[in-house]
């Protein structure tokens, strides 16, 4: 399904026929098809909204606006289109930043917040990334653009496979790796290149709202082997920003939802039940 927005056409899907709403926000480079380990379990209890962020999947951007405000506005527009007045939020990786902003800007609508392997803004309004992390991300972005021009999305996948999973996962589970590859290739390389040229604006912006206004229960999920992506979810930075959060660390890499789906799904559903979301 598609929602027409000023400057963009947002691709989205709804799964499940009953229950409260749950909105899933994917990470950078991914798309709604990458939630395949979660949709069957989540849609039994929830009506699940998935969508392609700007520059991903089947979403088309015509105005070159990849800002955080635009990304948050897309979700709010989808909620309005579907008549969603309250929803739980699950954001993975860069999608966690969008979910975090949504929960802060719309506390009446957010029933629960799950930050899955997601970065956090630093205390005092500083940007979410340190200067060293920003430089590493910028170097990765430039390399991505070069490979996209030469090889399309397929050229980015080998590095992706080794960076988001724990060491050796692709060899242990080639079936999961191949299904992830099929989902990954659903993103239009030209749209993703435009997103990369915009400098991954979601990462660069400091928080524009006060996180103390988040009223819903919060769950944070981290991976034991994701140090190359961000600080562990148990860090003092995390506790300083969202001290009320429950924290779980899985024996996985960055993409815990795909590497350990059974454990991930049980943890998320149990949290949502406790939160009455």
Protein backbone atom coordinates (compact mmCIF):
# COMPACT_ATOMS: atom_id res chain seq x y z
CA UNK A 1 0.00 0.00 0.00
CA UNK A 2 1.06 3.57 -0.53
CA UNK A 3 0.48 6.90 1.16
CA UNK A 4 1.01 10.09 -0.82
CA UNK A 5 2.86 12.75 1.16
CA UNK A 6 4.16 16.14 0.06
CA UNK A 7 7.36 15.25 -1.74
CA UNK A 8 7.20 11.49 -1.14
CA UNK A 9 5.23 8.29 -1.63
CA UNK A 10 5.47 6.07 1.45
CA UNK A 11 5.28 2.32 0.98
CA UNK A 12 3.70 0.47 3.93
CA UNK A 13 1.97 -2.74 5.00
CA UNK A 14 -0.42 -3.74 7.78
CA UNK A 15 -0.36 -7.25 9.26
CA UNK A 16 -2.79 -8.76 11.77
CA UNK A 17 -6.52 -8.37 12.09
CA UNK A 18 -7.01 -7.51 15.75
CA UNK A 19 -5.39 -6.18 18.90
CA UNK A 20 -3.56 -2.96 19.72
CA UNK A 21 -1.26 -1.32 17.20
CA UNK A 22 2.50 -1.92 17.01
CA UNK A 23 4.64 0.22 14.68
CA UNK A 24 7.99 -1.21 13.52
CA UNK A 25 10.73 1.15 12.30
CA UNK A 26 13.57 -0.58 10.42
CA UNK A 27 17.23 0.36 10.37
CA UNK A 28 19.36 2.13 7.79
CA UNK A 29 19.78 0.07 4.63
CA UNK A 30 16.90 -2.25 5.48
CA UNK A 31 13.22 -2.11 4.51
CA UNK A 32 9.89 -3.49 5.73
CA UNK A 33 10.64 -6.94 4.25
CA UNK A 34 13.43 -7.36 6.80
CA UNK A 35 10.88 -7.86 9.59
CA UNK A 36 10.10 -11.37 8.32
CA UNK A 37 11.21 -13.04 11.60
CA UNK A 38 8.83 -10.84 13.61
CA UNK A 39 5.62 -10.43 11.62
CA UNK A 40 4.16 -13.95 12.13
CA UNK A 41 4.59 -13.77 15.93
CA UNK A 42 3.66 -10.12 16.41
CA UNK A 43 0.60 -10.18 14.14
CA UNK A 44 -1.05 -12.86 16.24
CA UNK A 45 -1.57 -10.33 19.04
CA UNK A 46 -1.19 -6.95 17.35
CA UNK A 47 -2.07 -5.01 14.25
CA UNK A 48 1.42 -4.37 12.96
CA UNK A 49 2.35 -1.36 10.84
CA UNK A 50 5.57 -1.63 8.83
CA UNK A 51 6.81 0.91 6.31
CA UNK A 52 9.82 1.81 4.20
CA UNK A 53 11.74 4.82 5.41
CA UNK A 54 12.74 7.49 2.92
CA UNK A 55 15.46 6.14 0.67
CA UNK A 56 14.56 2.51 1.40
CA UNK A 57 12.41 -0.26 -0.04
CA UNK A 58 9.56 0.96 -2.21
CA UNK A 59 9.28 4.48 -0.76
CA UNK A 60 9.99 7.21 -3.31
CA UNK A 61 11.26 10.68 -2.34
CA UNK A 62 10.76 13.55 -4.79
CA UNK A 63 11.84 16.54 -2.70
CA UNK A 64 15.23 15.29 -1.37
CA UNK A 65 14.01 15.69 2.22
CA UNK A 66 15.56 12.92 4.35
CA UNK A 67 15.46 14.88 7.60
CA UNK A 68 14.43 13.47 10.93
CA UNK A 69 11.39 15.76 10.94
CA UNK A 70 10.27 14.32 7.62
CA UNK A 71 10.77 10.73 8.83
CA UNK A 72 8.78 11.36 12.00
CA UNK A 73 6.12 13.14 9.98
CA UNK A 74 5.75 10.11 7.72
CA UNK A 75 4.84 7.91 10.68
CA UNK A 76 2.37 10.45 12.07
CA UNK A 77 0.77 10.70 8.62
CA UNK A 78 0.47 6.91 8.44
CA UNK A 79 -1.15 6.85 11.87
CA UNK A 80 -3.67 9.45 10.73
CA UNK A 81 -4.36 7.59 7.48
CA UNK A 82 -5.04 4.34 9.34
CA UNK A 83 -6.94 5.89 12.24
CA UNK A 84 -4.27 4.93 14.79
CA UNK A 85 -4.65 6.97 17.95
CA UNK A 86 -2.29 4.84 20.10
CA UNK A 87 0.57 2.53 19.17
CA UNK A 88 3.58 0.79 20.65
CA UNK A 89 6.86 1.61 18.88
CA UNK A 90 9.76 -0.69 18.05
CA UNK A 91 12.77 0.94 16.40
CA UNK A 92 15.82 -1.01 15.26
CA UNK A 93 19.22 0.66 14.83
CA UNK A 94 18.70 4.06 13.11
CA UNK A 95 14.96 3.39 13.31
CA UNK A 96 15.30 3.62 17.07
CA UNK A 97 16.08 7.30 16.74
CA UNK A 98 12.85 7.86 14.83
CA UNK A 99 10.88 5.83 17.38
CA UNK A 100 12.51 7.76 20.23
CA UNK A 101 11.51 11.10 18.70
CA UNK A 102 7.97 9.84 18.14
CA UNK A 103 7.61 8.75 21.76
CA UNK A 104 8.94 12.11 22.97
CA UNK A 105 6.93 14.27 20.60
CA UNK A 106 3.70 12.26 20.87
CA UNK A 107 3.58 10.89 24.44
CA UNK A 108 -0.19 10.46 24.36
CA UNK A 109 0.00 8.18 21.32
CA UNK A 110 3.02 6.06 22.33
CA UNK A 111 1.98 3.15 24.57
CA UNK A 112 5.46 1.56 24.78
CA UNK A 113 8.92 2.09 23.31
CA UNK A 114 11.37 -0.65 22.31
CA UNK A 115 14.87 0.45 21.34
CA UNK A 116 16.38 -2.54 19.55
CA UNK A 117 20.15 -2.22 19.05
CA UNK A 118 19.56 1.50 18.70
CA UNK A 119 21.79 4.47 19.33
CA UNK A 120 20.90 7.14 21.84
CA UNK A 121 21.41 10.88 22.06
CA UNK A 122 24.04 11.86 24.57
CA UNK A 123 23.13 13.77 27.73
CA UNK A 124 22.97 17.55 27.56
CA UNK A 125 21.60 17.72 24.03
CA UNK A 126 24.82 16.59 22.35
CA UNK A 127 24.60 14.68 19.05
CA UNK A 128 23.92 10.96 19.23
CA UNK A 129 27.40 10.09 17.94
CA UNK A 130 30.86 11.03 19.14
CA UNK A 131 33.19 12.74 16.67
CA UNK A 132 35.09 9.49 16.19
CA UNK A 133 31.87 7.58 15.52
CA UNK A 134 30.72 10.31 13.14
CA UNK A 135 33.95 10.08 11.16
CA UNK A 136 33.67 6.30 10.95
CA UNK A 137 30.06 6.60 9.78
CA UNK A 138 31.06 9.21 7.19
CA UNK A 139 33.80 6.96 5.86
CA UNK A 140 31.33 4.07 5.64
CA UNK A 141 28.82 6.31 3.86
CA UNK A 142 31.35 7.35 1.20
CA UNK A 143 32.32 3.73 0.63
CA UNK A 144 28.67 2.77 0.33
CA UNK A 145 28.11 5.39 -2.36
CA UNK A 146 31.06 4.15 -4.38
CA UNK A 147 29.88 0.54 -4.22
CA UNK A 148 26.28 1.52 -4.96
CA UNK A 149 27.36 3.21 -8.17
CA UNK A 150 29.37 0.17 -9.25
CA UNK A 151 27.33 -2.78 -7.98
CA UNK A 152 23.96 -1.66 -6.63
CA UNK A 153 22.53 -2.97 -3.36
CA UNK A 154 24.07 -6.41 -3.97
CA UNK A 155 27.52 -4.86 -3.69
CA UNK A 156 26.82 -3.70 -0.14
CA UNK A 157 25.47 -6.97 1.18
CA UNK A 158 28.67 -8.95 1.94
CA UNK A 159 29.93 -6.23 4.29
CA UNK A 160 26.46 -5.89 5.76
CA UNK A 161 26.28 -9.60 6.53
CA UNK A 162 29.51 -9.59 8.51
CA UNK A 163 28.85 -6.28 10.28
CA UNK A 164 25.37 -6.82 11.72
CA UNK A 165 25.69 -10.43 12.89
CA UNK A 166 27.99 -12.14 15.36
CA UNK A 167 31.16 -13.73 13.90
CA UNK A 168 30.39 -16.73 11.70
CA UNK A 169 26.60 -16.36 11.74
CA UNK A 170 26.33 -16.30 7.94
CA UNK A 171 28.14 -19.65 7.75
CA UNK A 172 26.07 -21.15 10.57
CA UNK A 173 22.75 -19.99 9.17
CA UNK A 174 23.02 -19.60 5.38
CA UNK A 175 19.24 -19.91 5.11
CA UNK A 176 18.72 -16.76 7.19
CA UNK A 177 21.52 -14.96 5.37
CA UNK A 178 19.93 -15.73 2.00
CA UNK A 179 16.49 -14.60 3.08
CA UNK A 180 17.98 -11.41 4.45
CA UNK A 181 19.73 -10.87 1.13
CA UNK A 182 16.44 -11.25 -0.73
CA UNK A 183 14.81 -8.66 1.53
CA UNK A 184 17.83 -6.33 1.33
CA UNK A 185 17.68 -6.26 -2.49
CA UNK A 186 14.11 -4.88 -2.42
CA UNK A 187 15.54 -1.40 -1.82
CA UNK A 188 15.98 0.74 -4.93
CA UNK A 189 19.71 1.54 -5.12
CA UNK A 190 19.09 5.03 -6.52
CA UNK A 191 16.78 5.91 -3.61
CA UNK A 192 19.27 4.54 -1.09
CA UNK A 193 22.10 6.47 -2.76
CA UNK A 194 20.06 9.65 -2.36
CA UNK A 195 19.63 8.83 1.32
CA UNK A 196 23.36 8.30 1.71
CA UNK A 197 24.16 11.55 -0.09
CA UNK A 198 21.95 13.36 2.41
CA UNK A 199 24.50 12.37 5.03
CA UNK A 200 22.27 10.04 7.06
CA UNK A 201 20.53 13.01 8.67
CA UNK A 202 18.87 10.88 11.34
CA UNK A 203 22.26 10.24 12.95
CA UNK A 204 23.56 13.79 12.75
CA UNK A 205 20.80 15.71 14.48
CA UNK A 206 20.71 16.31 18.24
CA UNK A 207 17.47 15.66 20.08
CA UNK A 208 14.93 18.41 19.51
CA UNK A 209 12.68 17.43 22.41
CA UNK A 210 12.95 16.68 26.11
CA UNK A 211 13.15 12.92 26.65
CA UNK A 212 11.93 13.34 30.22
CA UNK A 213 8.51 13.75 28.65
CA UNK A 214 8.43 10.11 27.55
CA UNK A 215 5.69 8.57 29.67
CA UNK A 216 5.49 5.05 28.31
CA UNK A 217 7.45 1.97 29.46
CA UNK A 218 10.79 1.51 27.67
CA UNK A 219 12.70 -1.62 26.70
CA UNK A 220 16.28 -1.54 25.39
CA UNK A 221 17.81 -4.54 23.61
CA UNK A 222 21.52 -4.79 22.89
CA UNK A 223 23.85 -7.34 21.33
CA UNK A 224 26.99 -8.67 22.97
CA UNK A 225 28.93 -8.50 19.68
CA UNK A 226 27.89 -5.12 18.31
CA UNK A 227 30.66 -2.93 19.74
CA UNK A 228 31.68 -1.75 16.24
CA UNK A 229 28.29 -0.10 15.86
CA UNK A 230 27.71 1.66 19.18
CA UNK A 231 28.17 1.68 22.92
CA UNK A 232 26.54 -1.26 24.71
CA UNK A 233 22.97 -0.70 25.86
CA UNK A 234 24.11 -1.12 29.45
CA UNK A 235 26.36 1.93 29.30
CA UNK A 236 26.03 4.82 31.72
CA UNK A 237 25.06 6.98 28.76
CA UNK A 238 21.97 4.89 28.22
CA UNK A 239 20.97 4.92 31.86
CA UNK A 240 21.49 8.68 32.01
CA UNK A 241 19.14 9.22 29.06
CA UNK A 242 16.41 6.67 29.78
CA UNK A 243 16.84 5.49 33.38
CA UNK A 244 13.41 3.83 33.44
CA UNK A 245 14.25 1.31 30.72
CA UNK A 246 14.42 -2.45 31.07
CA UNK A 247 17.66 -3.66 29.46
CA UNK A 248 18.33 -7.02 27.82
CA UNK A 249 21.61 -8.05 26.19
CA UNK A 250 21.43 -10.93 23.72
CA UNK A 251 24.41 -13.08 22.64
CA UNK A 252 24.16 -11.66 19.12
CA UNK A 253 25.56 -9.02 16.85
CA UNK A 254 23.80 -5.81 15.91
CA UNK A 255 20.70 -7.38 14.33
CA UNK A 256 19.37 -9.30 17.33
CA UNK A 257 15.84 -9.44 15.87
CA UNK A 258 17.10 -11.54 12.95
CA UNK A 259 19.91 -13.45 14.62
CA UNK A 260 17.90 -14.61 17.66
CA UNK A 261 14.27 -14.11 16.59
CA UNK A 262 12.64 -16.50 19.05
CA UNK A 263 14.35 -14.90 22.06
CA UNK A 264 13.79 -11.43 20.64
CA UNK A 265 10.10 -11.97 19.95
CA UNK A 266 9.40 -13.55 23.34
CA UNK A 267 11.21 -10.69 25.09
CA UNK A 268 9.34 -8.00 23.15
CA UNK A 269 5.92 -9.62 23.53
CA UNK A 270 6.47 -10.21 27.24
CA UNK A 271 7.46 -6.58 27.72
CA UNK A 272 4.43 -5.33 25.77
CA UNK A 273 2.14 -7.54 27.88
CA UNK A 274 3.63 -6.14 31.11
CA UNK A 275 3.24 -2.62 29.71
CA UNK A 276 -0.40 -3.29 28.79
CA UNK A 277 0.45 -1.94 25.36
